[in-house]
Amino acid sequence: ILEKAYARFHGSFEAINGGFVHVGLVDFTGGFGSAINLSECSVDINSGALFKRLLDYVRKGFLMGAGSPSGSDSDISEAGIVQGHAYAVLDVREERDANGDHQLIRLRNPWGQTEWTGDWSDDDRVHWTSRMKQRLAYRNADDGCFWMSFQDFCQNYSRVYLCQTFRLVTNG
């Protein structure tokens, strides 16, 4: 019903087919939206500043999404990323285990299937230690949710979309 109302507001279902994640988030929350173009952030990516900003956004309760590089959503990369497609960013974490420090990001394909197949994917047998499985609530399920390293994220996605929501003064 909500989707139908949204389509009617915009004139048709065709009018809401596609678009940018942060625009939809702003429409539904009344928050403030912005986007980060990853191709313009190489210095911040290499210095770790962008990852720290994303950690801070998660801590502050921002809603986030990611966009894969342009293409048809029938094009799927060898690593399982749907091209020209929006993903939800569910979490950003920095964890440590016996293999070192890991900067990780958890995404979800809204289709509920078709997932990343590289390092930290559900089927990865190298990176998932028992400690990391416990710390990150690992599940091997074809549900569209997956973890990947931040480095791989920056190589396979083109944008991060942000929506800062606001709380009423009475709610903190």
C-alpha atoms as a PDB file:
ATOM      1  CA  ILE A   1       0.000   0.000   0.000  1.00  0.00           C
ATOM      2  CA  LEU A   2       2.836   2.360   0.867  1.00  0.00           C
ATOM      3  CA  GLU A   3       4.546   1.718  -2.475  1.00  0.00           C
ATOM      4  CA  LYS A   4       1.278   2.345  -4.307  1.00  0.00           C
ATOM      5  CA  ALA A   5       0.771   5.651  -2.468  1.00  0.00           C
ATOM      6  CA  TYR A   6       4.366   6.671  -3.223  1.00  0.00           C
ATOM      7  CA  ALA A   7       3.912   5.844  -6.919  1.00  0.00           C
ATOM      8  CA  ARG A   8       0.651   7.777  -7.030  1.00  0.00           C
ATOM      9  CA  PHE A   9       2.327  10.784  -5.425  1.00  0.00           C
ATOM     10  CA  HIS A  10       5.027  10.682  -8.139  1.00  0.00           C
ATOM     11  CA  GLY A  11       2.545  10.065 -10.971  1.00  0.00           C
ATOM     12  CA  SER A  12       3.130   6.379 -11.754  1.00  0.00           C
ATOM     13  CA  PHE A  13       5.009   3.219 -10.848  1.00  0.00           C
ATOM     14  CA  GLU A  14       7.333   3.958 -13.754  1.00  0.00           C
ATOM     15  CA  ALA A  15       8.308   7.224 -12.077  1.00  0.00           C
ATOM     16  CA  ILE A  16       9.637   5.359  -9.030  1.00  0.00           C
ATOM     17  CA  ASN A  17      11.411   2.579 -10.936  1.00  0.00           C
ATOM     18  CA  GLY A  18      15.055   3.364 -10.225  1.00  0.00           C
ATOM     19  CA  GLY A  19      16.535   6.508  -8.744  1.00  0.00           C
ATOM     20  CA  PHE A  20      18.906   7.226  -5.902  1.00  0.00           C
ATOM     21  CA  VAL A  21      18.765   5.617  -2.480  1.00  0.00           C
ATOM     22  CA  HIS A  22      19.118   8.821  -0.491  1.00  0.00           C
ATOM     23  CA  VAL A  23      16.196  10.465  -2.321  1.00  0.00           C
ATOM     24  CA  GLY A  24      13.843   7.659  -1.289  1.00  0.00           C
ATOM     25  CA  LEU A  25      15.181   7.678   2.269  1.00  0.00           C
ATOM     26  CA  VAL A  26      14.617  11.430   2.544  1.00  0.00           C
ATOM     27  CA  ASP A  27      11.081  11.082   1.127  1.00  0.00           C
ATOM     28  CA  PHE A  28      10.180   8.458   3.734  1.00  0.00           C
ATOM     29  CA  THR A  29      11.964   9.900   6.773  1.00  0.00           C
ATOM     30  CA  GLY A  30      12.113  13.657   6.296  1.00  0.00           C
ATOM     31  CA  GLY A  31      15.849  13.431   6.943  1.00  0.00           C
ATOM     32  CA  PHE A  32      18.721  15.120   5.169  1.00  0.00           C
ATOM     33  CA  GLY A  33      20.258  13.201   2.263  1.00  0.00           C
ATOM     34  CA  SER A  34      23.653  13.263   0.621  1.00  0.00           C
ATOM     35  CA  ALA A  35      25.903  11.050  -1.488  1.00  0.00           C
ATOM     36  CA  ILE A  36      29.606  10.244  -1.509  1.00  0.00           C
ATOM     37  CA  ASN A  37      31.142   9.520  -4.907  1.00  0.00           C
ATOM     38  CA  LEU A  38      33.857   6.935  -4.188  1.00  0.00           C
ATOM     39  CA  SER A  39      35.823   7.802  -7.331  1.00  0.00           C
ATOM     40  CA  GLU A  40      36.407  11.276  -5.877  1.00  0.00           C
ATOM     41  CA  CYS A  41      37.560  10.026  -2.451  1.00  0.00           C
ATOM     42  CA  SER A  42      40.773   8.103  -3.157  1.00  0.00           C
ATOM     43  CA  VAL A  43      42.776  10.133  -0.619  1.00  0.00           C
ATOM     44  CA  ASP A  44      40.159   9.604   2.113  1.00  0.00           C
ATOM     45  CA  ILE A  45      39.842   5.918   1.218  1.00  0.00           C
ATOM     46  CA  ASN A  46      43.614   5.327   1.310  1.00  0.00           C
ATOM     47  CA  SER A  47      44.114   7.281   4.546  1.00  0.00           C
ATOM     48  CA  GLY A  48      41.267   5.469   6.322  1.00  0.00           C
ATOM     49  CA  ALA A  49      39.357   8.730   6.865  1.00  0.00           C
ATOM     50  CA  LEU A  50      36.320   7.609   4.855  1.00  0.00           C
ATOM     51  CA  PHE A  51      36.014   4.342   6.765  1.00  0.00           C
ATOM     52  CA  LYS A  52      36.165   6.249  10.068  1.00  0.00           C
ATOM     53  CA  ARG A  53      33.447   8.612   8.818  1.00  0.00           C
ATOM     54  CA  LEU A  54      31.235   5.660   7.922  1.00  0.00           C
ATOM     55  CA  LEU A  55      31.789   4.172  11.387  1.00  0.00           C
ATOM     56  CA  ASP A  56      30.718   7.513  12.856  1.00  0.00           C
ATOM     57  CA  TYR A  57      27.617   7.633  10.629  1.00  0.00           C
ATOM     58  CA  VAL A  58      26.589   4.179  11.894  1.00  0.00           C
ATOM     59  CA  ARG A  59      27.135   5.299  15.494  1.00  0.00           C
ATOM     60  CA  LYS A  60      24.963   8.374  14.882  1.00  0.00           C
ATOM     61  CA  GLY A  61      22.155   6.301  13.354  1.00  0.00           C
ATOM     62  CA  PHE A  62      22.387   7.465   9.729  1.00  0.00           C
ATOM     63  CA  LEU A  63      20.538   5.347   7.190  1.00  0.00           C
ATOM     64  CA  MET A  64      22.920   4.267   4.433  1.00  0.00           C
ATOM     65  CA  GLY A  65      22.871   2.675   1.038  1.00  0.00           C
ATOM     66  CA  ALA A  66      25.356   1.941  -1.718  1.00  0.00           C
ATOM     67  CA  GLY A  67      25.194   2.011  -5.491  1.00  0.00           C
ATOM     68  CA  SER A  68      27.111  -0.288  -7.783  1.00  0.00           C
ATOM     69  CA  PRO A  69      28.642   1.077 -10.994  1.00  0.00           C
ATOM     70  CA  SER A  70      26.340   1.916 -13.892  1.00  0.00           C
ATOM     71  CA  GLY A  71      24.873  -0.893 -15.893  1.00  0.00           C
ATOM     72  CA  SER A  72      21.729  -2.909 -16.372  1.00  0.00           C
ATOM     73  CA  ASP A  73      20.416  -4.775 -13.347  1.00  0.00           C
ATOM     74  CA  SER A  74      20.598  -7.878 -15.504  1.00  0.00           C
ATOM     75  CA  ASP A  75      24.416  -7.498 -15.512  1.00  0.00           C
ATOM     76  CA  ILE A  76      26.055  -9.280 -12.587  1.00  0.00           C
ATOM     77  CA  SER A  77      29.810  -9.051 -12.056  1.00  0.00           C
ATOM     78  CA  GLU A  78      31.924 -12.188 -11.656  1.00  0.00           C
ATOM     79  CA  ALA A  79      32.001 -11.379  -7.933  1.00  0.00           C
ATOM     80  CA  GLY A  80      28.180 -11.378  -7.641  1.00  0.00           C
ATOM     81  CA  ILE A  81      27.537  -7.607  -7.626  1.00  0.00           C
ATOM     82  CA  VAL A  82      24.483  -6.504  -9.617  1.00  0.00           C
ATOM     83  CA  GLN A  83      25.459  -3.522 -11.764  1.00  0.00           C
ATOM     84  CA  GLY A  84      23.490  -0.259 -11.648  1.00  0.00           C
ATOM     85  CA  HIS A  85      21.790  -1.494  -8.487  1.00  0.00           C
ATOM     86  CA  ALA A  86      21.085  -0.133  -5.012  1.00  0.00           C
ATOM     87  CA  TYR A  87      22.103  -1.967  -1.854  1.00  0.00           C
ATOM     88  CA  ALA A  88      21.327  -1.294   1.801  1.00  0.00           C
ATOM     89  CA  VAL A  89      24.333  -0.729   4.060  1.00  0.00           C
ATOM     90  CA  LEU A  90      23.442  -2.623   7.225  1.00  0.00           C
ATOM     91  CA  ASP A  91      26.619  -2.225   9.271  1.00  0.00           C
ATOM     92  CA  VAL A  92      30.198  -0.987   9.239  1.00  0.00           C
ATOM     93  CA  ARG A  93      32.615  -2.626  11.654  1.00  0.00           C
ATOM     94  CA  GLU A  94      36.270  -2.729  12.568  1.00  0.00           C
ATOM     95  CA  GLU A  95      37.170  -6.077  14.107  1.00  0.00           C
ATOM     96  CA  ARG A  96      40.343  -7.882  15.106  1.00  0.00           C
ATOM     97  CA  ASP A  97      41.202 -11.561  15.258  1.00  0.00           C
ATOM     98  CA  ALA A  98      44.341 -13.686  15.084  1.00  0.00           C
ATOM     99  CA  ASN A  99      44.718 -12.701  11.414  1.00  0.00           C
ATOM    100  CA  GLY A 100      44.823  -8.961  12.153  1.00  0.00           C
ATOM    101  CA  ASP A 101      42.536  -5.942  11.886  1.00  0.00           C
ATOM    102  CA  HIS A 102      39.598  -6.007   9.497  1.00  0.00           C
ATOM    103  CA  GLN A 103      37.539  -3.116   8.138  1.00  0.00           C
ATOM    104  CA  LEU A 104      34.245  -4.644   7.075  1.00  0.00           C
ATOM    105  CA  ILE A 105      30.927  -3.537   5.687  1.00  0.00           C
ATOM    106  CA  ARG A 106      27.666  -5.497   5.641  1.00  0.00           C
ATOM    107  CA  LEU A 107      25.325  -5.003   2.709  1.00  0.00           C
ATOM    108  CA  ARG A 108      21.997  -6.358   1.562  1.00  0.00           C
ATOM    109  CA  ASN A 109      20.723  -6.804  -1.948  1.00  0.00           C
ATOM    110  CA  PRO A 110      17.017  -5.867  -1.722  1.00  0.00           C
ATOM    111  CA  TRP A 111      16.201  -8.739  -4.073  1.00  0.00           C
ATOM    112  CA  GLY A 112      16.972 -11.059  -1.146  1.00  0.00           C
ATOM    113  CA  GLN A 113      19.424 -13.061  -3.262  1.00  0.00           C
ATOM    114  CA  THR A 114      22.489 -12.643  -5.494  1.00  0.00           C
ATOM    115  CA  GLU A 115      25.389 -11.973  -3.155  1.00  0.00           C
ATOM    116  CA  TRP A 116      29.076 -11.054  -3.163  1.00  0.00           C
ATOM    117  CA  THR A 117      31.273 -14.132  -3.745  1.00  0.00           C
ATOM    118  CA  GLY A 118      34.725 -12.774  -2.798  1.00  0.00           C
ATOM    119  CA  ASP A 119      36.591 -12.494   0.518  1.00  0.00           C
ATOM    120  CA  TRP A 120      34.245 -12.474   3.550  1.00  0.00           C
ATOM    121  CA  SER A 121      31.335 -13.814   1.496  1.00  0.00           C
ATOM    122  CA  ASP A 122      29.112 -16.475   3.041  1.00  0.00           C
ATOM    123  CA  ASP A 123      31.077 -19.260   1.337  1.00  0.00           C
ATOM    124  CA  ASP A 124      34.566 -17.896   2.160  1.00  0.00           C
ATOM    125  CA  ARG A 125      36.462 -20.587   4.094  1.00  0.00           C
ATOM    126  CA  VAL A 126      39.638 -18.519   4.652  1.00  0.00           C
ATOM    127  CA  HIS A 127      38.572 -15.368   6.510  1.00  0.00           C
ATOM    128  CA  TRP A 128      35.702 -16.597   8.681  1.00  0.00           C
ATOM    129  CA  THR A 129      37.318 -17.687  11.964  1.00  0.00           C
ATOM    130  CA  SER A 130      35.100 -18.886  14.804  1.00  0.00           C
ATOM    131  CA  ARG A 131      35.717 -15.585  16.628  1.00  0.00           C
ATOM    132  CA  MET A 132      34.679 -13.534  13.599  1.00  0.00           C
ATOM    133  CA  LYS A 133      31.598 -15.694  13.036  1.00  0.00           C
ATOM    134  CA  GLN A 134      30.524 -15.022  16.608  1.00  0.00           C
ATOM    135  CA  ARG A 135      31.385 -11.288  16.603  1.00  0.00           C
ATOM    136  CA  LEU A 136      29.566 -10.609  13.321  1.00  0.00           C
ATOM    137  CA  ALA A 137      26.637 -13.035  13.740  1.00  0.00           C
ATOM    138  CA  TYR A 138      27.710 -14.963  10.630  1.00  0.00           C
ATOM    139  CA  ARG A 139      24.977 -16.755   8.689  1.00  0.00           C
ATOM    140  CA  ASN A 140      25.471 -18.755   5.538  1.00  0.00           C
ATOM    141  CA  ALA A 141      22.140 -18.125   3.816  1.00  0.00           C
ATOM    142  CA  ASP A 142      21.106 -16.945   0.364  1.00  0.00           C
ATOM    143  CA  ASP A 143      19.217 -13.985   1.844  1.00  0.00           C
ATOM    144  CA  GLY A 144      20.921 -11.111   0.021  1.00  0.00           C
ATOM    145  CA  CYS A 145      23.012 -10.158   3.102  1.00  0.00           C
ATOM    146  CA  PHE A 146      26.792 -10.366   3.022  1.00  0.00           C
ATOM    147  CA  TRP A 147      29.981  -8.947   4.496  1.00  0.00           C
ATOM    148  CA  MET A 148      32.914  -7.687   2.471  1.00  0.00           C
ATOM    149  CA  SER A 149      36.134  -5.836   3.209  1.00  0.00           C
ATOM    150  CA  PHE A 150      35.987  -2.068   2.914  1.00  0.00           C
ATOM    151  CA  GLN A 151      38.762  -2.249   0.301  1.00  0.00           C
ATOM    152  CA  ASP A 152      36.665  -4.611  -1.856  1.00  0.00           C
ATOM    153  CA  PHE A 153      33.628  -2.398  -1.283  1.00  0.00           C
ATOM    154  CA  CYS A 154      35.478   0.640  -2.669  1.00  0.00           C
ATOM    155  CA  GLN A 155      36.505  -1.358  -5.743  1.00  0.00           C
ATOM    156  CA  ASN A 156      33.023  -2.732  -6.457  1.00  0.00           C
ATOM    157  CA  TYR A 157      30.739   0.197  -5.612  1.00  0.00           C
ATOM    158  CA  SER A 158      30.605   3.742  -6.917  1.00  0.00           C
ATOM    159  CA  ARG A 159      28.605   5.641  -4.300  1.00  0.00           C
ATOM    160  CA  VAL A 160      27.548   5.674  -0.668  1.00  0.00           C
ATOM    161  CA  TYR A 161      24.181   7.265   0.031  1.00  0.00           C
ATOM    162  CA  LEU A 162      23.424   8.851   3.396  1.00  0.00           C
ATOM    163  CA  CYS A 163      20.290   9.991   5.161  1.00  0.00           C
ATOM    164  CA  GLN A 164      20.622  11.739   8.485  1.00  0.00           C
ATOM    165  CA  THR A 165      17.422  11.437  10.455  1.00  0.00           C
ATOM    166  CA  PHE A 166      16.479  13.752  13.262  1.00  0.00           C
ATOM    167  CA  ARG A 167      15.000  13.011  16.668  1.00  0.00           C
ATOM    168  CA  LEU A 168      12.502  15.129  18.492  1.00  0.00           C
ATOM    169  CA  VAL A 169      13.910  17.041  21.450  1.00  0.00           C
ATOM    170  CA  THR A 170      11.672  14.957  23.714  1.00  0.00           C
ATOM    171  CA  ASN A 171      13.338  11.802  22.335  1.00  0.00           C
ATOM    172  CA  GLY A 172      16.903  12.973  22.919  1.00  0.00           C
END
